[in-house]
Amino acid sequence: MTRRTDAMTRKKQVLLTVRNQRGVTLVETIIGLLVLTIVLLSGAQLFRVHVEHLALVERARRADEQAHLTMNTLAAFSYSALPDGNPFKGKASEDTFAEGEPVQLDSNVCIAQANCDRIVRVPHTSDTGSDFLTISWNQTPPTNSSVVYYRAWRVTTLDPLKKLRRITLAILPVEPNQDGSSPVEPLALRQTDVVQRQ
């Protein structure tokens, strides 16, 4: 009788142990899934930040290229073909810009004096590439295109006899829910003194 009672007691203990182990296993599984979810979400967030950083670096690189090409084009104009003009709000014709200072454009000057334009990205219909086109400030962008940059330049005559001028160029990013007259930090800002031919 004692053996039978001992056997039943052991059986109950085994059943209780199995039930306890099932509970522990369930808790361990839930904790493991929680940790795995946190690791996956952290990895996805790091990947997203890395991709956004690469996109911003690429945008800044393209803006730098645009600044270089535009400055060369403006410097090559003849003196009479590039009139003085200042599309920058709150800045006199010879004021400088501090590092990281937001730039605000005057749309009226941009339209009247043509000292501003826009760069638009037009996607190809046959592949994933795109072309970049320059359009005037008040021109409607082509269908399926998106405005990527605003370009604005200030021309200041320093010495009319020598045809010496200072050209200040800003390449501004197009930000969501903002227009060209909103203050924004330029992606590229160049200033140079040039002597232009007649």
C-alpha atoms as a PDB file:
ATOM      1  CA  MET A   1       0.000   0.000   0.000  1.00  0.00           C
ATOM      2  CA  THR A   2       2.846   2.316   0.830  1.00  0.00           C
ATOM      3  CA  ARG A   3       4.469   1.626  -2.531  1.00  0.00           C
ATOM      4  CA  ARG A   4       1.228   2.447  -4.285  1.00  0.00           C
ATOM      5  CA  THR A   5       0.877   5.706  -2.323  1.00  0.00           C
ATOM      6  CA  ASP A   6       4.506   6.597  -3.066  1.00  0.00           C
ATOM      7  CA  ALA A   7       3.937   5.890  -6.760  1.00  0.00           C
ATOM      8  CA  MET A   8       0.827   8.090  -6.836  1.00  0.00           C
ATOM      9  CA  THR A   9       2.649  10.864  -4.999  1.00  0.00           C
ATOM     10  CA  ARG A  10       5.528  10.681  -7.501  1.00  0.00           C
ATOM     11  CA  LYS A  11       3.052  10.721 -10.370  1.00  0.00           C
ATOM     12  CA  LYS A  12       1.379  13.853  -8.962  1.00  0.00           C
ATOM     13  CA  GLN A  13       4.776  15.510  -8.515  1.00  0.00           C
ATOM     14  CA  VAL A  14       5.718  14.629 -12.096  1.00  0.00           C
ATOM     15  CA  LEU A  15       2.418  16.067 -13.376  1.00  0.00           C
ATOM     16  CA  LEU A  16       2.934  19.242 -11.353  1.00  0.00           C
ATOM     17  CA  THR A  17       6.509  19.525 -12.624  1.00  0.00           C
ATOM     18  CA  VAL A  18       5.346  19.083 -16.244  1.00  0.00           C
ATOM     19  CA  ARG A  19       2.650  21.725 -15.777  1.00  0.00           C
ATOM     20  CA  ASN A  20       5.163  24.115 -14.206  1.00  0.00           C
ATOM     21  CA  GLN A  21       7.618  23.454 -17.039  1.00  0.00           C
ATOM     22  CA  ARG A  22       4.890  24.169 -19.622  1.00  0.00           C
ATOM     23  CA  GLY A  23       4.229  27.513 -17.923  1.00  0.00           C
ATOM     24  CA  VAL A  24       7.939  28.329 -17.844  1.00  0.00           C
ATOM     25  CA  THR A  25       8.320  27.309 -21.486  1.00  0.00           C
ATOM     26  CA  LEU A  26       5.406  29.556 -22.483  1.00  0.00           C
ATOM     27  CA  VAL A  27       6.880  32.502 -20.587  1.00  0.00           C
ATOM     28  CA  GLU A  28      10.320  31.877 -22.119  1.00  0.00           C
ATOM     29  CA  THR A  29       8.762  31.747 -25.600  1.00  0.00           C
ATOM     30  CA  ILE A  30       6.911  35.015 -25.071  1.00  0.00           C
ATOM     31  CA  ILE A  31      10.049  36.724 -23.747  1.00  0.00           C
ATOM     32  CA  GLY A  32      12.063  35.333 -26.679  1.00  0.00           C
ATOM     33  CA  LEU A  33       9.522  36.669 -29.184  1.00  0.00           C
ATOM     34  CA  LEU A  34       9.546  40.045 -27.462  1.00  0.00           C
ATOM     35  CA  VAL A  35      13.351  40.247 -27.586  1.00  0.00           C
ATOM     36  CA  LEU A  36      13.373  39.133 -31.240  1.00  0.00           C
ATOM     37  CA  THR A  37      10.779  41.785 -32.116  1.00  0.00           C
ATOM     38  CA  ILE A  38      12.850  44.490 -30.412  1.00  0.00           C
ATOM     39  CA  VAL A  39      16.004  43.376 -32.231  1.00  0.00           C
ATOM     40  CA  LEU A  40      14.214  43.336 -35.614  1.00  0.00           C
ATOM     41  CA  LEU A  41      12.631  46.761 -35.053  1.00  0.00           C
ATOM     42  CA  SER A  42      15.972  48.237 -33.965  1.00  0.00           C
ATOM     43  CA  GLY A  43      17.655  46.784 -37.051  1.00  0.00           C
ATOM     44  CA  ALA A  44      14.953  48.185 -39.321  1.00  0.00           C
ATOM     45  CA  GLN A  45      15.270  51.620 -37.692  1.00  0.00           C
ATOM     46  CA  LEU A  46      19.055  51.623 -38.122  1.00  0.00           C
ATOM     47  CA  PHE A  47      18.657  50.601 -41.760  1.00  0.00           C
ATOM     48  CA  ARG A  48      16.112  53.388 -42.341  1.00  0.00           C
ATOM     49  CA  VAL A  49      18.419  55.984 -40.771  1.00  0.00           C
ATOM     50  CA  HIS A  50      21.308  54.749 -42.908  1.00  0.00           C
ATOM     51  CA  VAL A  51      19.231  54.924 -46.104  1.00  0.00           C
ATOM     52  CA  GLU A  52      17.984  58.431 -45.234  1.00  0.00           C
ATOM     53  CA  HIS A  53      21.564  59.542 -44.597  1.00  0.00           C
ATOM     54  CA  LEU A  54      22.655  58.191 -47.977  1.00  0.00           C
ATOM     55  CA  ALA A  55      19.753  59.998 -49.658  1.00  0.00           C
ATOM     56  CA  LEU A  56      20.695  63.284 -47.988  1.00  0.00           C
ATOM     57  CA  VAL A  57      24.358  62.868 -48.956  1.00  0.00           C
ATOM     58  CA  GLU A  58      23.338  62.193 -52.570  1.00  0.00           C
ATOM     59  CA  ARG A  59      21.058  65.252 -52.583  1.00  0.00           C
ATOM     60  CA  ALA A  60      23.886  67.439 -51.249  1.00  0.00           C
ATOM     61  CA  ARG A  61      26.315  66.018 -53.832  1.00  0.00           C
ATOM     62  CA  ARG A  62      23.930  66.800 -56.685  1.00  0.00           C
ATOM     63  CA  ALA A  63      23.369  70.308 -55.293  1.00  0.00           C
ATOM     64  CA  ASP A  64      27.130  70.848 -55.187  1.00  0.00           C
ATOM     65  CA  GLU A  65      27.391  69.790 -58.837  1.00  0.00           C
ATOM     66  CA  GLN A  66      24.538  72.151 -59.720  1.00  0.00           C
ATOM     67  CA  ALA A  67      26.279  75.007 -57.889  1.00  0.00           C
ATOM     68  CA  HIS A  68      29.550  74.423 -59.726  1.00  0.00           C
ATOM     69  CA  LEU A  69      27.912  74.236 -63.167  1.00  0.00           C
ATOM     70  CA  THR A  70      25.622  77.193 -62.529  1.00  0.00           C
ATOM     71  CA  MET A  71      28.423  79.406 -61.229  1.00  0.00           C
ATOM     72  CA  ASN A  72      30.504  78.660 -64.337  1.00  0.00           C
ATOM     73  CA  THR A  73      27.540  79.472 -66.573  1.00  0.00           C
ATOM     74  CA  LEU A  74      26.780  82.757 -64.785  1.00  0.00           C
ATOM     75  CA  ALA A  75      30.436  83.849 -64.835  1.00  0.00           C
ATOM     76  CA  ALA A  76      30.586  83.200 -68.586  1.00  0.00           C
ATOM     77  CA  PHE A  77      27.718  85.587 -69.364  1.00  0.00           C
ATOM     78  CA  SER A  78      28.621  88.948 -70.843  1.00  0.00           C
ATOM     79  CA  TYR A  79      28.301  92.012 -68.624  1.00  0.00           C
ATOM     80  CA  SER A  80      25.168  93.285 -70.376  1.00  0.00           C
ATOM     81  CA  ALA A  81      23.423  89.880 -70.416  1.00  0.00           C
ATOM     82  CA  LEU A  82      23.522  89.428 -66.625  1.00  0.00           C
ATOM     83  CA  PRO A  83      21.974  92.432 -64.881  1.00  0.00           C
ATOM     84  CA  ASP A  84      22.413  93.211 -61.207  1.00  0.00           C
ATOM     85  CA  GLY A  85      19.734  91.712 -59.002  1.00  0.00           C
ATOM     86  CA  ASN A  86      19.203  90.474 -55.467  1.00  0.00           C
ATOM     87  CA  PRO A  87      16.503  87.826 -54.868  1.00  0.00           C
ATOM     88  CA  PHE A  88      17.501  87.253 -51.210  1.00  0.00           C
ATOM     89  CA  LYS A  89      15.075  88.723 -48.663  1.00  0.00           C
ATOM     90  CA  GLY A  90      16.644  90.648 -45.814  1.00  0.00           C
ATOM     91  CA  LYS A  91      20.091  90.795 -47.425  1.00  0.00           C
ATOM     92  CA  ALA A  92      21.661  93.856 -49.016  1.00  0.00           C
ATOM     93  CA  SER A  93      23.572  93.486 -52.264  1.00  0.00           C
ATOM     94  CA  GLU A  94      26.939  92.993 -50.525  1.00  0.00           C
ATOM     95  CA  ASP A  95      25.851  91.185 -47.331  1.00  0.00           C
ATOM     96  CA  THR A  96      27.402  87.793 -46.680  1.00  0.00           C
ATOM     97  CA  PHE A  97      25.725  84.641 -45.395  1.00  0.00           C
ATOM     98  CA  ALA A  98      26.783  82.932 -42.182  1.00  0.00           C
ATOM     99  CA  GLU A  99      27.395  79.179 -42.189  1.00  0.00           C
ATOM    100  CA  GLY A 100      24.046  77.362 -41.940  1.00  0.00           C
ATOM    101  CA  GLU A 101      22.042  80.596 -42.119  1.00  0.00           C
ATOM    102  CA  PRO A 102      18.581  80.097 -43.661  1.00  0.00           C
ATOM    103  CA  VAL A 103      18.016  81.818 -46.991  1.00  0.00           C
ATOM    104  CA  GLN A 104      14.671  83.323 -47.971  1.00  0.00           C
ATOM    105  CA  LEU A 105      13.827  84.236 -51.547  1.00  0.00           C
ATOM    106  CA  ASP A 106      11.737  87.142 -52.786  1.00  0.00           C
ATOM    107  CA  SER A 107       9.377  85.602 -55.361  1.00  0.00           C
ATOM    108  CA  ASN A 108       8.608  89.010 -56.902  1.00  0.00           C
ATOM    109  CA  VAL A 109      12.289  89.616 -57.652  1.00  0.00           C
ATOM    110  CA  CYS A 110      12.645  86.040 -58.904  1.00  0.00           C
ATOM    111  CA  ILE A 111       9.867  86.606 -61.428  1.00  0.00           C
ATOM    112  CA  ALA A 112      10.652  90.219 -62.394  1.00  0.00           C
ATOM    113  CA  GLN A 113      14.436  89.960 -62.711  1.00  0.00           C
ATOM    114  CA  ALA A 114      14.782  86.243 -63.545  1.00  0.00           C
ATOM    115  CA  ASN A 115      17.391  85.706 -60.822  1.00  0.00           C
ATOM    116  CA  CYS A 116      15.867  82.375 -59.797  1.00  0.00           C
ATOM    117  CA  ASP A 117      14.839  79.142 -61.434  1.00  0.00           C
ATOM    118  CA  ARG A 118      13.933  75.604 -60.480  1.00  0.00           C
ATOM    119  CA  ILE A 119      15.481  72.196 -61.155  1.00  0.00           C
ATOM    120  CA  VAL A 120      12.925  69.453 -61.769  1.00  0.00           C
ATOM    121  CA  ARG A 121      13.375  65.680 -61.925  1.00  0.00           C
ATOM    122  CA  VAL A 122      11.556  64.045 -64.822  1.00  0.00           C
ATOM    123  CA  PRO A 123      11.421  60.227 -64.573  1.00  0.00           C
ATOM    124  CA  HIS A 124      12.068  58.144 -67.682  1.00  0.00           C
ATOM    125  CA  THR A 125       9.089  56.224 -69.032  1.00  0.00           C
ATOM    126  CA  SER A 126      11.164  53.212 -70.094  1.00  0.00           C
ATOM    127  CA  ASP A 127      13.406  52.650 -67.051  1.00  0.00           C
ATOM    128  CA  THR A 128      14.002  53.781 -63.460  1.00  0.00           C
ATOM    129  CA  GLY A 129      16.287  56.702 -64.379  1.00  0.00           C
ATOM    130  CA  SER A 130      15.402  60.370 -64.515  1.00  0.00           C
ATOM    131  CA  ASP A 131      16.520  63.600 -66.164  1.00  0.00           C
ATOM    132  CA  PHE A 132      17.055  66.962 -64.474  1.00  0.00           C
ATOM    133  CA  LEU A 133      15.664  70.004 -66.293  1.00  0.00           C
ATOM    134  CA  THR A 134      15.850  73.709 -65.549  1.00  0.00           C
ATOM    135  CA  ILE A 135      12.601  75.666 -65.709  1.00  0.00           C
ATOM    136  CA  SER A 136      11.875  79.326 -65.005  1.00  0.00           C
ATOM    137  CA  TRP A 137      10.466  80.441 -61.674  1.00  0.00           C
ATOM    138  CA  ASN A 138       6.853  80.751 -62.818  1.00  0.00           C
ATOM    139  CA  GLN A 139       6.843  77.954 -65.421  1.00  0.00           C
ATOM    140  CA  THR A 140       4.620  74.920 -64.790  1.00  0.00           C
ATOM    141  CA  PRO A 141       6.680  71.745 -64.245  1.00  0.00           C
ATOM    142  CA  PRO A 142       6.228  68.936 -66.790  1.00  0.00           C
ATOM    143  CA  THR A 143       3.751  66.149 -66.081  1.00  0.00           C
ATOM    144  CA  ASN A 144       4.950  63.491 -63.582  1.00  0.00           C
ATOM    145  CA  SER A 145       7.954  65.620 -62.611  1.00  0.00           C
ATOM    146  CA  SER A 146       8.937  66.924 -59.192  1.00  0.00           C
ATOM    147  CA  VAL A 147      10.766  70.109 -58.249  1.00  0.00           C
ATOM    148  CA  VAL A 148      14.039  69.167 -56.530  1.00  0.00           C
ATOM    149  CA  TYR A 149      15.984  72.433 -56.092  1.00  0.00           C
ATOM    150  CA  TYR A 150      15.533  76.187 -56.213  1.00  0.00           C
ATOM    151  CA  ARG A 151      18.470  78.120 -57.647  1.00  0.00           C
ATOM    152  CA  ALA A 152      18.911  81.814 -56.904  1.00  0.00           C
ATOM    153  CA  TRP A 153      21.762  84.178 -57.681  1.00  0.00           C
ATOM    154  CA  ARG A 154      22.624  87.712 -56.663  1.00  0.00           C
ATOM    155  CA  VAL A 155      24.720  89.846 -59.007  1.00  0.00           C
ATOM    156  CA  THR A 156      26.446  92.935 -57.608  1.00  0.00           C
ATOM    157  CA  THR A 157      28.612  95.274 -59.669  1.00  0.00           C
ATOM    158  CA  LEU A 158      31.744  96.156 -57.707  1.00  0.00           C
ATOM    159  CA  ASP A 159      33.554  98.206 -60.380  1.00  0.00           C
ATOM    160  CA  PRO A 160      31.602  99.166 -63.527  1.00  0.00           C
ATOM    161  CA  LEU A 161      34.686 100.374 -65.401  1.00  0.00           C
ATOM    162  CA  LYS A 162      36.537  97.089 -64.979  1.00  0.00           C
ATOM    163  CA  LYS A 163      33.283  95.063 -65.334  1.00  0.00           C
ATOM    164  CA  LEU A 164      34.051  93.478 -61.957  1.00  0.00           C
ATOM    165  CA  ARG A 165      31.094  91.776 -60.328  1.00  0.00           C
ATOM    166  CA  ARG A 166      30.327  89.567 -57.358  1.00  0.00           C
ATOM    167  CA  ILE A 167      28.026  86.611 -57.961  1.00  0.00           C
ATOM    168  CA  THR A 168      26.416  84.854 -55.000  1.00  0.00           C
ATOM    169  CA  LEU A 169      24.616  81.602 -55.757  1.00  0.00           C
ATOM    170  CA  ALA A 170      22.399  79.498 -53.489  1.00  0.00           C
ATOM    171  CA  ILE A 171      21.039  76.027 -54.245  1.00  0.00           C
ATOM    172  CA  LEU A 172      18.055  75.426 -51.967  1.00  0.00           C
ATOM    173  CA  PRO A 173      16.289  72.129 -51.330  1.00  0.00           C
ATOM    174  CA  VAL A 174      12.571  71.845 -51.941  1.00  0.00           C
ATOM    175  CA  GLU A 175      10.979  70.909 -48.621  1.00  0.00           C
ATOM    176  CA  PRO A 176       7.464  69.481 -48.193  1.00  0.00           C
ATOM    177  CA  ASN A 177       4.748  72.055 -47.441  1.00  0.00           C
ATOM    178  CA  GLN A 178       7.062  74.984 -48.212  1.00  0.00           C
ATOM    179  CA  ASP A 179       7.363  77.227 -51.223  1.00  0.00           C
ATOM    180  CA  GLY A 180      10.368  79.087 -52.583  1.00  0.00           C
ATOM    181  CA  SER A 181       9.867  82.065 -50.279  1.00  0.00           C
ATOM    182  CA  SER A 182      10.116  79.975 -47.083  1.00  0.00           C
ATOM    183  CA  PRO A 183      13.433  80.312 -45.191  1.00  0.00           C
ATOM    184  CA  VAL A 184      15.571  77.212 -45.694  1.00  0.00           C
ATOM    185  CA  GLU A 185      19.233  76.298 -45.198  1.00  0.00           C
ATOM    186  CA  PRO A 186      20.978  76.091 -48.582  1.00  0.00           C
ATOM    187  CA  LEU A 187      22.539  72.842 -49.729  1.00  0.00           C
ATOM    188  CA  ALA A 188      25.235  74.788 -51.577  1.00  0.00           C
ATOM    189  CA  LEU A 189      26.256  78.436 -51.335  1.00  0.00           C
ATOM    190  CA  ARG A 190      28.924  79.959 -53.589  1.00  0.00           C
ATOM    191  CA  GLN A 191      30.295  83.446 -53.968  1.00  0.00           C
ATOM    192  CA  THR A 192      32.898  84.640 -56.407  1.00  0.00           C
ATOM    193  CA  ASP A 193      34.202  87.859 -57.959  1.00  0.00           C
ATOM    194  CA  VAL A 194      34.460  87.789 -61.726  1.00  0.00           C
ATOM    195  CA  VAL A 195      35.425  90.125 -64.527  1.00  0.00           C
ATOM    196  CA  GLN A 196      32.963  89.797 -67.381  1.00  0.00           C
ATOM    197  CA  ARG A 197      33.415  90.796 -70.977  1.00  0.00           C
ATOM    198  CA  GLN A 198      31.237  93.512 -72.503  1.00  0.00           C
END
